[in-house]
Amino acid sequence: MSYEAIALLMFVSMMALLFTGQRVFGAIGFVAVIAALALWGDRGGFDLAFAQAIKVMRWYPLLTVPMFVFMGYVLSESGIADDLYRMFHVWMGGIHGGLAIGTIGLMVLISAMNGLSVAGMAIGATIALPELLRRGYDKRMVTGVIQAGSSLGILVPPSVVLVLYAMIARQPVGQLWLAGIVPGLMMATLFIVYIWIRCRIEPALGPALGAHERAMPKAEKYRLLLSGLLPLFIFFSMMIPFVNGWTSLVESSAIGALAALAAATFKGRMNRRVFESSVRKTLGITCMFLWIILAALAFGAVFDGLGAVKAIEGLFTERLGLSPFMILILMQLSFIAMGTFLDDTAMLVIVAPLYIPLVGALGFDLIWYGVLYTITTQIAYMTPPFGYNLFLMRAMSPPEIGIADIYRSIIPFVVVMIFGLTLVMAFPEIVLWLPESIYGK
């Protein structure tokens, strides 16, 4: 059997195991080790798994993952997100669609505190969704807003997904974070513009709140406004030292975690329950990431040994005669297809051994491609029939919101995101301008 056929068999076997409901790291790692044993015998197979485990343990930047996850959970578990939503409720509730626009703003701030889309979804569904429904907002509008807004968590720094991409692609995390800022804010702006226009055309979708509903002392209004600056303070407290080279990535993540802990303590929200819940959830998420990375490294090592990347490059460019841009579009379509049943991390580690070297060989910038991948997975998350976010939304929604409502709610936001993705593909400067301005590539 040729090496190309072995690589194809590995990929098909892995996908078949995933369809059976096996855990992602179990499916990827099992196929990798079995293939190594079959190709190189007992010594090669056991050495492969052991070598990748040692590589993970020596991968110092991985310490950023628990730090960022802990930072986000401390802020969400301590109820600081509640203050943020009250701020948007008071300051933006007076315009049509104002609370929906405020929800997008809330999601941007939550993303800057957490770096995971699941946290934004949970906060939006538990805090914003009941309030929006109670205020007479259309149920399809609000479910679409929460799903679209939560997707920003993997694009706006400190995105944990971009950290993992940086490690796998051997790219600077700081440049990837900076590269995600402008596209993330652009995507949020596109969502806000759509909501504002739609609610101007159909005011019943997002009724404005009366003055009596927003009435409160000015001192309280400004106190809530200051609460919106808290996540920005935490964000800049770790980003400024890192971008200026005063601290390493790991040290900056530790600053962020300590700043979040100090903020929750200062506001009187830190207690044993909050701390224990944050630590438990952080441990669960971190262990999941480590197992997935370990399995992905083993899978990638076998692929490298087989020369699968060169074989696929030759298939696309020589046998099929496709242009580099056409190959790039096919990659993005494959992400959307996989996103119907996998999360962003799983998609990255499955295709990273193939796509990242291929992207570099085709002459594309790997920083730009990291952001492109992230936006595409955002779209994949919300693409029917099996988008990851669709079922998370259904699990967190009240009974009156059915799966049909959730499917229909996301269509306009997917169209907006595809428009944003097209802009990023057509104008790479949207992604590269900020890192080039600061780092001077």
Protein backbone atom coordinates (compact mmCIF):
# COMPACT_ATOMS: atom_id res chain seq x y z
CA MET A 1 0.00 0.00 0.00
CA SER A 2 1.35 3.43 -0.94
CA TYR A 3 1.97 6.11 1.66
CA GLU A 4 -0.78 8.25 0.11
CA ALA A 5 -3.26 5.39 0.52
CA ILE A 6 -2.18 4.90 4.15
CA ALA A 7 -2.66 8.60 4.88
CA LEU A 8 -6.14 8.51 3.30
CA LEU A 9 -7.04 5.39 5.30
CA MET A 10 -5.94 7.10 8.52
CA PHE A 11 -8.08 10.14 7.81
CA VAL A 12 -11.15 8.07 6.87
CA SER A 13 -10.73 5.87 9.96
CA MET A 14 -10.49 8.91 12.22
CA MET A 15 -13.63 10.48 10.73
CA ALA A 16 -15.52 7.17 11.05
CA LEU A 17 -14.62 6.96 14.75
CA LEU A 18 -15.76 10.54 15.29
CA PHE A 19 -19.13 9.76 13.71
CA THR A 20 -19.62 6.95 16.24
CA GLY A 21 -19.53 9.51 19.04
CA GLN A 22 -16.05 8.78 20.37
CA ARG A 23 -14.19 11.57 22.13
CA VAL A 24 -12.08 13.65 19.78
CA PHE A 25 -8.72 12.98 21.47
CA GLY A 26 -9.52 9.24 21.70
CA ALA A 27 -10.32 8.92 17.99
CA ILE A 28 -7.31 10.93 16.81
CA GLY A 29 -4.83 9.35 19.24
CA PHE A 30 -6.05 5.79 18.64
CA VAL A 31 -5.67 6.06 14.85
CA ALA A 32 -2.21 7.66 15.23
CA VAL A 33 -0.82 5.00 17.55
CA ILE A 34 -2.30 2.07 15.59
CA ALA A 35 -0.86 3.48 12.35
CA ALA A 36 2.56 3.96 13.98
CA LEU A 37 2.54 0.40 15.32
CA ALA A 38 1.59 -0.96 11.89
CA LEU A 39 4.22 1.09 10.06
CA TRP A 40 7.19 1.01 12.42
CA GLY A 41 6.53 -1.82 14.87
CA ASP A 42 6.34 -1.84 18.65
CA ARG A 43 9.30 0.45 19.21
CA GLY A 44 8.16 3.06 16.73
CA GLY A 45 4.58 3.05 17.98
CA PHE A 46 5.40 3.39 21.67
CA ASP A 47 8.17 5.91 21.03
CA LEU A 48 5.79 8.08 19.04
CA ALA A 49 3.24 8.41 21.85
CA PHE A 50 5.95 8.89 24.49
CA ALA A 51 7.80 11.52 22.45
CA GLN A 52 4.65 13.57 21.88
CA ALA A 53 3.74 13.38 25.57
CA ILE A 54 7.19 14.74 26.47
CA LYS A 55 6.77 17.48 23.86
CA VAL A 56 3.47 18.56 25.42
CA MET A 57 4.95 18.61 28.93
CA ARG A 58 7.87 20.75 27.72
CA TRP A 59 5.60 23.13 25.78
CA TYR A 60 5.91 26.11 28.12
CA PRO A 61 3.37 28.39 26.34
CA LEU A 62 0.61 25.86 27.11
CA LEU A 63 0.53 27.36 30.60
CA THR A 64 -1.42 30.24 29.07
CA VAL A 65 -4.47 28.04 28.51
CA PRO A 66 -5.43 27.49 32.18
CA MET A 67 -4.58 31.12 32.98
CA PHE A 68 -6.93 32.57 30.34
CA VAL A 69 -9.69 30.07 31.05
CA PHE A 70 -9.46 30.77 34.79
CA MET A 71 -9.57 34.51 34.14
CA GLY A 72 -12.78 34.15 32.17
CA TYR A 73 -14.50 31.87 34.64
CA VAL A 74 -13.66 34.10 37.61
CA LEU A 75 -15.30 37.07 35.89
CA SER A 76 -18.36 35.12 34.75
CA GLU A 77 -18.89 33.12 37.97
CA SER A 78 -18.52 36.23 40.14
CA GLY A 79 -21.41 37.95 38.36
CA ILE A 80 -19.39 40.78 36.84
CA ALA A 81 -21.09 40.00 33.52
CA ASP A 82 -24.43 40.94 35.14
CA ASP A 83 -23.15 44.48 35.72
CA LEU A 84 -22.05 44.70 32.11
CA TYR A 85 -25.50 43.77 30.83
CA ARG A 86 -27.19 46.23 33.18
CA MET A 87 -24.91 48.92 31.76
CA PHE A 88 -26.04 48.21 28.19
CA HIS A 89 -29.65 47.93 29.37
CA VAL A 90 -29.59 51.43 30.86
CA TRP A 91 -27.50 53.21 28.25
CA MET A 92 -28.81 51.63 25.04
CA GLY A 93 -32.32 50.43 25.84
CA GLY A 94 -33.90 53.63 24.54
CA ILE A 95 -33.39 52.85 20.84
CA HIS A 96 -35.08 50.18 18.73
CA GLY A 97 -32.98 47.04 18.97
CA GLY A 98 -30.82 48.70 21.63
CA LEU A 99 -30.76 45.72 23.97
CA ALA A 100 -29.81 43.41 21.09
CA ILE A 101 -27.02 45.82 20.12
CA GLY A 102 -25.99 45.94 23.77
CA THR A 103 -25.87 42.14 23.81
CA ILE A 104 -23.32 42.22 20.98
CA GLY A 105 -21.30 44.73 22.99
CA LEU A 106 -21.57 42.45 26.03
CA MET A 107 -20.28 39.53 23.96
CA VAL A 108 -17.26 41.56 22.79
CA LEU A 109 -16.36 42.39 26.40
CA ILE A 110 -16.92 38.79 27.51
CA SER A 111 -14.65 37.65 24.66
CA ALA A 112 -11.93 40.02 25.89
CA MET A 113 -12.25 38.40 29.32
CA ASN A 114 -12.49 34.74 28.35
CA GLY A 115 -11.38 33.70 24.87
CA LEU A 116 -13.95 30.89 24.54
CA SER A 117 -17.24 31.04 22.64
CA VAL A 118 -18.97 28.61 25.02
CA ALA A 119 -18.65 31.09 27.90
CA GLY A 120 -20.25 33.85 25.82
CA MET A 121 -23.09 31.53 24.84
CA ALA A 122 -23.74 30.55 28.45
CA ILE A 123 -23.73 34.15 29.69
CA GLY A 124 -25.90 35.36 26.81
CA ALA A 125 -28.44 32.57 27.25
CA THR A 126 -28.72 32.95 31.02
CA ILE A 127 -28.52 36.75 31.36
CA ALA A 128 -29.53 38.40 28.08
CA LEU A 129 -32.04 35.94 26.60
CA PRO A 130 -34.67 36.02 29.41
CA GLU A 131 -34.45 39.81 29.62
CA LEU A 132 -34.82 40.30 25.87
CA LEU A 133 -37.82 37.97 25.69
CA ARG A 134 -39.45 39.68 28.67
CA ARG A 135 -39.03 43.06 26.98
CA GLY A 136 -40.94 41.87 23.89
CA TYR A 137 -38.03 41.19 21.53
CA ASP A 138 -38.66 38.71 18.71
CA LYS A 139 -37.46 35.26 19.79
CA ARG A 140 -35.78 34.53 16.48
CA MET A 141 -33.95 37.84 16.53
CA VAL A 142 -32.57 37.35 20.03
CA THR A 143 -31.45 33.73 19.58
CA GLY A 144 -29.59 34.76 16.43
CA VAL A 145 -27.98 37.69 18.25
CA ILE A 146 -26.71 35.50 21.09
CA GLN A 147 -25.31 32.82 18.78
CA ALA A 148 -23.60 35.33 16.51
CA GLY A 149 -22.22 37.36 19.41
CA SER A 150 -20.87 34.33 21.25
CA SER A 151 -18.90 33.28 18.16
CA LEU A 152 -16.68 36.35 18.66
CA GLY A 153 -15.07 34.60 21.64
CA ILE A 154 -12.64 32.66 19.45
CA LEU A 155 -11.60 35.72 17.40
CA VAL A 156 -11.22 38.58 19.88
CA PRO A 157 -8.05 38.26 22.02
CA PRO A 158 -7.17 36.56 24.27
CA SER A 159 -8.60 33.82 22.05
CA VAL A 160 -7.53 30.40 23.34
CA VAL A 161 -8.05 28.96 19.85
CA LEU A 162 -5.57 31.44 18.38
CA VAL A 163 -3.08 30.45 21.10
CA LEU A 164 -3.42 26.80 20.07
CA TYR A 165 -3.13 27.73 16.39
CA ALA A 166 0.04 29.70 17.16
CA MET A 167 1.58 26.69 18.88
CA ILE A 168 0.71 24.26 16.10
CA ALA A 169 1.65 26.64 13.26
CA ARG A 170 4.74 27.97 15.09
CA GLN A 171 3.55 31.57 14.73
CA PRO A 172 3.87 34.43 17.26
CA VAL A 173 0.84 34.56 19.54
CA GLY A 174 1.12 38.33 19.95
CA GLN A 175 0.82 38.90 16.21
CA LEU A 176 -2.17 36.54 15.98
CA TRP A 177 -3.94 38.32 18.82
CA LEU A 178 -3.36 41.70 17.19
CA ALA A 179 -4.46 40.25 13.85
CA GLY A 180 -7.78 39.18 15.39
CA ILE A 181 -8.69 42.58 16.88
CA VAL A 182 -9.71 44.47 13.72
CA PRO A 183 -11.64 41.54 12.11
CA GLY A 184 -13.34 40.84 15.45
CA LEU A 185 -14.46 44.44 15.86
CA MET A 186 -15.43 44.55 12.18
CA MET A 187 -17.61 41.46 12.60
CA ALA A 188 -19.25 42.93 15.72
CA THR A 189 -19.88 46.18 13.83
CA LEU A 190 -21.50 44.30 10.94
CA PHE A 191 -23.81 42.54 13.42
CA ILE A 192 -24.74 45.86 15.04
CA VAL A 193 -25.42 47.54 11.69
CA TYR A 194 -27.66 44.64 10.64
CA ILE A 195 -29.60 44.74 13.93
CA TRP A 196 -30.03 48.51 13.76
CA ILE A 197 -31.25 48.49 10.14
CA ARG A 198 -33.55 45.50 10.69
CA CYS A 199 -35.13 47.04 13.79
CA ARG A 200 -35.58 50.39 12.05
CA ILE A 201 -37.47 48.62 9.27
CA GLU A 202 -39.43 46.35 11.65
CA PRO A 203 -39.58 48.09 15.05
CA ALA A 204 -41.65 45.27 16.56
CA LEU A 205 -38.59 43.00 16.43
CA GLY A 206 -36.75 45.12 19.00
CA PRO A 207 -38.98 47.58 20.86
CA ALA A 208 -37.34 50.51 22.61
CA LEU A 209 -37.60 50.75 26.38
CA GLY A 210 -39.52 53.63 27.91
CA ALA A 211 -37.76 56.26 29.98
CA HIS A 212 -39.41 54.98 33.18
CA GLU A 213 -37.86 51.54 32.61
CA ARG A 214 -34.40 53.03 32.36
CA ALA A 215 -34.82 55.54 35.17
CA MET A 216 -32.18 55.45 37.89
CA PRO A 217 -29.95 57.99 39.65
CA LYS A 218 -27.16 59.44 37.55
CA ALA A 219 -24.58 58.21 40.04
CA GLU A 220 -25.76 54.63 39.47
CA LYS A 221 -25.71 55.14 35.70
CA TYR A 222 -22.10 56.26 35.77
CA ARG A 223 -21.17 53.46 38.17
CA LEU A 224 -22.52 50.96 35.65
CA LEU A 225 -20.62 52.72 32.87
CA LEU A 226 -17.41 52.30 34.84
CA SER A 227 -18.17 48.59 35.20
CA GLY A 228 -17.83 48.31 31.43
CA LEU A 229 -14.28 49.57 31.71
CA LEU A 230 -13.29 46.73 34.04
CA PRO A 231 -12.77 44.04 31.37
CA LEU A 232 -10.93 46.58 29.23
CA PHE A 233 -8.62 47.34 32.16
CA ILE A 234 -7.90 43.62 32.60
CA PHE A 235 -7.37 43.21 28.86
CA PHE A 236 -4.89 46.11 28.60
CA SER A 237 -3.13 45.16 31.83
CA MET A 238 -1.93 41.95 30.17
CA MET A 239 -1.72 43.08 26.52
CA ILE A 240 0.37 46.24 26.94
CA PRO A 241 3.30 44.57 28.77
CA PHE A 242 3.23 41.67 26.31
CA VAL A 243 3.13 43.77 23.13
CA ASN A 244 5.92 46.01 24.44
CA GLY A 245 8.08 43.00 25.26
CA TRP A 246 8.10 43.61 29.01
CA THR A 247 6.59 40.21 29.78
CA SER A 248 6.38 36.83 28.09
CA LEU A 249 3.08 35.34 26.95
CA VAL A 250 2.85 33.13 30.03
CA GLU A 251 3.63 36.02 32.36
CA SER A 252 0.95 38.15 30.67
CA SER A 253 -1.63 35.40 31.06
CA ALA A 254 -0.75 35.20 34.76
CA ILE A 255 -1.22 38.99 35.04
CA GLY A 256 -4.67 38.63 33.45
CA ALA A 257 -5.68 35.84 35.85
CA LEU A 258 -4.46 37.81 38.89
CA ALA A 259 -6.19 40.98 37.66
CA ALA A 260 -9.49 39.11 37.28
CA LEU A 261 -9.09 37.62 40.76
CA ALA A 262 -8.32 41.06 42.20
CA ALA A 263 -11.30 42.64 40.42
CA ALA A 264 -13.72 40.02 41.76
CA THR A 265 -12.27 40.44 45.27
CA PHE A 266 -12.43 44.24 45.09
CA LYS A 267 -16.11 44.12 44.11
CA GLY A 268 -16.84 41.73 46.98
CA ARG A 269 -17.82 38.88 44.63
CA MET A 270 -15.05 36.41 45.46
CA ASN A 271 -15.98 33.62 47.83
CA ARG A 272 -15.30 29.92 48.22
CA ARG A 273 -18.10 28.87 45.84
CA VAL A 274 -16.93 31.18 43.05
CA PHE A 275 -13.30 30.18 43.46
CA GLU A 276 -14.00 26.44 43.62
CA SER A 277 -16.35 26.55 40.62
CA SER A 278 -13.82 28.54 38.57
CA VAL A 279 -10.98 26.14 39.42
CA ARG A 280 -13.06 23.03 38.65
CA LYS A 281 -14.23 24.35 35.27
CA THR A 282 -10.73 25.55 34.41
CA LEU A 283 -9.32 22.10 35.19
CA GLY A 284 -11.91 20.39 32.99
CA ILE A 285 -11.33 22.66 29.98
CA THR A 286 -7.54 22.56 30.32
CA CYS A 287 -7.37 18.77 30.51
CA MET A 288 -9.55 18.52 27.44
CA PHE A 289 -7.20 20.82 25.50
CA LEU A 290 -4.09 18.93 26.60
CA TRP A 291 -5.46 15.54 25.57
CA ILE A 292 -6.53 16.91 22.17
CA ILE A 293 -3.13 18.51 21.57
CA LEU A 294 -1.32 15.31 22.54
CA ALA A 295 -3.43 13.26 20.12
CA ALA A 296 -3.01 15.85 17.35
CA LEU A 297 0.78 15.89 17.70
CA ALA A 298 0.90 12.10 17.43
CA PHE A 299 -1.37 12.15 14.38
CA GLY A 300 0.70 14.91 12.76
CA ALA A 301 3.96 13.04 13.40
CA VAL A 302 2.67 10.01 11.48
CA PHE A 303 1.47 12.25 8.65
CA ASP A 304 4.87 13.93 8.45
CA GLY A 305 6.55 10.53 8.28
CA LEU A 306 4.31 9.48 5.41
CA GLY A 307 4.90 12.68 3.42
CA ALA A 308 1.15 13.24 3.19
CA VAL A 309 1.44 17.01 2.92
CA LYS A 310 3.59 16.89 -0.22
CA ALA A 311 1.30 14.27 -1.72
CA ILE A 312 -1.80 16.43 -1.20
CA GLU A 313 -0.03 19.53 -2.51
CA GLY A 314 0.93 17.60 -5.64
CA LEU A 315 -2.64 16.32 -6.04
CA PHE A 316 -4.16 19.80 -5.97
CA THR A 317 -1.55 21.77 -7.90
CA GLU A 318 -0.21 19.22 -10.42
CA ARG A 319 -2.89 16.60 -11.05
CA LEU A 320 -5.99 18.79 -10.63
CA GLY A 321 -4.30 22.02 -11.73
CA LEU A 322 -6.06 24.19 -9.14
CA SER A 323 -4.86 27.68 -8.36
CA PRO A 324 -3.69 28.45 -4.79
CA PHE A 325 -6.80 30.56 -4.16
CA MET A 326 -9.12 27.76 -5.30
CA ILE A 327 -7.33 25.35 -2.95
CA LEU A 328 -7.80 27.88 -0.13
CA ILE A 329 -11.55 28.08 -0.83
CA LEU A 330 -11.80 24.26 -0.77
CA MET A 331 -10.09 24.27 2.62
CA GLN A 332 -12.60 26.75 4.00
CA LEU A 333 -15.52 24.70 2.65
CA SER A 334 -14.12 21.62 4.36
CA PHE A 335 -14.03 23.55 7.66
CA ILE A 336 -17.69 24.48 7.24
CA ALA A 337 -18.56 20.83 6.56
CA MET A 338 -16.63 19.59 9.60
CA GLY A 339 -18.10 22.34 11.75
CA THR A 340 -21.49 20.65 11.55
CA PHE A 341 -20.31 18.03 14.05
CA LEU A 342 -16.97 19.22 15.54
CA ASP A 343 -15.88 22.17 17.65
CA ASP A 344 -13.17 24.65 16.65
CA THR A 345 -10.33 22.97 18.55
CA ALA A 346 -11.10 19.55 17.10
CA MET A 347 -11.23 20.96 13.57
CA LEU A 348 -7.89 22.68 14.05
CA VAL A 349 -6.01 19.69 15.39
CA ILE A 350 -7.49 17.29 12.82
CA VAL A 351 -6.51 19.25 9.74
CA ALA A 352 -3.51 21.20 11.06
CA PRO A 353 -0.96 18.55 9.99
CA LEU A 354 -2.25 18.89 6.43
CA TYR A 355 -3.48 22.44 5.99
CA ILE A 356 -0.91 24.58 7.77
CA PRO A 357 2.15 23.28 5.83
CA LEU A 358 0.09 23.37 2.63
CA VAL A 359 -0.94 26.98 3.22
CA GLY A 360 2.70 27.95 3.72
CA ALA A 361 3.76 26.04 0.59
CA LEU A 362 1.11 27.87 -1.45
CA GLY A 363 2.60 31.21 -0.41
CA PHE A 364 -0.10 32.48 1.95
CA ASP A 365 0.64 34.32 5.20
CA LEU A 366 0.08 31.99 8.16
CA ILE A 367 -0.98 34.86 10.44
CA TRP A 368 -3.67 35.85 7.95
CA TYR A 369 -4.73 32.24 7.52
CA GLY A 370 -5.10 31.79 11.29
CA VAL A 371 -7.72 34.55 11.37
CA LEU A 372 -9.33 33.21 8.20
CA TYR A 373 -9.61 29.77 9.80
CA THR A 374 -11.14 31.29 12.93
CA ILE A 375 -13.82 33.23 11.04
CA THR A 376 -14.66 30.14 8.98
CA THR A 377 -15.14 28.05 12.12
CA GLN A 378 -17.40 30.79 13.46
CA ILE A 379 -19.58 30.29 10.39
CA ALA A 380 -19.36 26.51 10.69
CA TYR A 381 -20.54 26.72 14.29
CA MET A 382 -23.85 28.19 13.15
CA THR A 383 -24.47 26.37 9.87
CA PRO A 384 -27.49 24.02 9.85
CA PRO A 385 -28.28 21.22 10.14
CA PHE A 386 -25.71 20.24 12.81
CA GLY A 387 -23.82 23.40 13.74
CA TYR A 388 -22.22 23.20 17.19
CA ASN A 389 -23.78 26.45 18.44
CA LEU A 390 -27.26 25.47 17.27
CA PHE A 391 -27.54 22.62 19.74
CA LEU A 392 -25.88 24.59 22.54
CA MET A 393 -28.50 27.28 22.00
CA ARG A 394 -31.31 24.74 22.05
CA ALA A 395 -30.03 23.23 25.29
CA MET A 396 -29.95 26.65 26.99
CA SER A 397 -33.17 28.12 25.55
CA PRO A 398 -36.63 28.13 27.18
CA PRO A 399 -39.23 25.65 25.83
CA GLU A 400 -41.00 28.24 23.66
CA ILE A 401 -37.92 28.49 21.41
CA GLY A 402 -37.83 25.42 19.17
CA ILE A 403 -35.05 24.09 16.98
CA ALA A 404 -36.83 25.47 13.88
CA ASP A 405 -36.72 28.96 15.42
CA ILE A 406 -33.01 28.57 16.12
CA TYR A 407 -32.28 27.43 12.55
CA ARG A 408 -34.20 30.35 11.04
CA SER A 409 -32.73 32.88 13.48
CA ILE A 410 -29.17 32.32 12.34
CA ILE A 411 -29.61 32.66 8.56
CA PRO A 412 -29.16 36.47 8.32
CA PHE A 413 -26.18 36.40 10.68
CA VAL A 414 -24.48 33.65 8.67
CA VAL A 415 -24.94 35.83 5.57
CA VAL A 416 -23.34 38.77 7.43
CA MET A 417 -20.42 36.57 8.50
CA ILE A 418 -19.87 35.26 4.97
CA PHE A 419 -19.71 38.90 3.85
CA GLY A 420 -17.12 39.58 6.55
CA LEU A 421 -15.13 36.49 5.54
CA THR A 422 -15.15 37.67 1.92
CA LEU A 423 -13.78 41.05 2.98
CA VAL A 424 -10.95 39.40 4.92
CA MET A 425 -10.07 37.13 2.00
CA ALA A 426 -10.16 39.97 -0.52
CA PHE A 427 -8.30 42.46 1.68
CA PRO A 428 -5.66 40.73 3.85
CA GLU A 429 -4.66 44.17 5.14
CA ILE A 430 -7.69 44.04 7.45
CA VAL A 431 -5.88 41.28 9.33
CA LEU A 432 -2.24 42.20 8.82
CA TRP A 433 -2.32 45.98 9.27
CA LEU A 434 -2.24 46.05 13.08
CA PRO A 435 0.47 43.40 13.68
CA GLU A 436 2.60 44.90 10.91
CA SER A 437 2.19 48.38 12.39
CA ILE A 438 3.27 47.28 15.87
CA TYR A 439 5.77 44.54 15.12
CA GLY A 440 6.95 45.78 11.71
CA LYS A 441 7.06 42.50 9.77
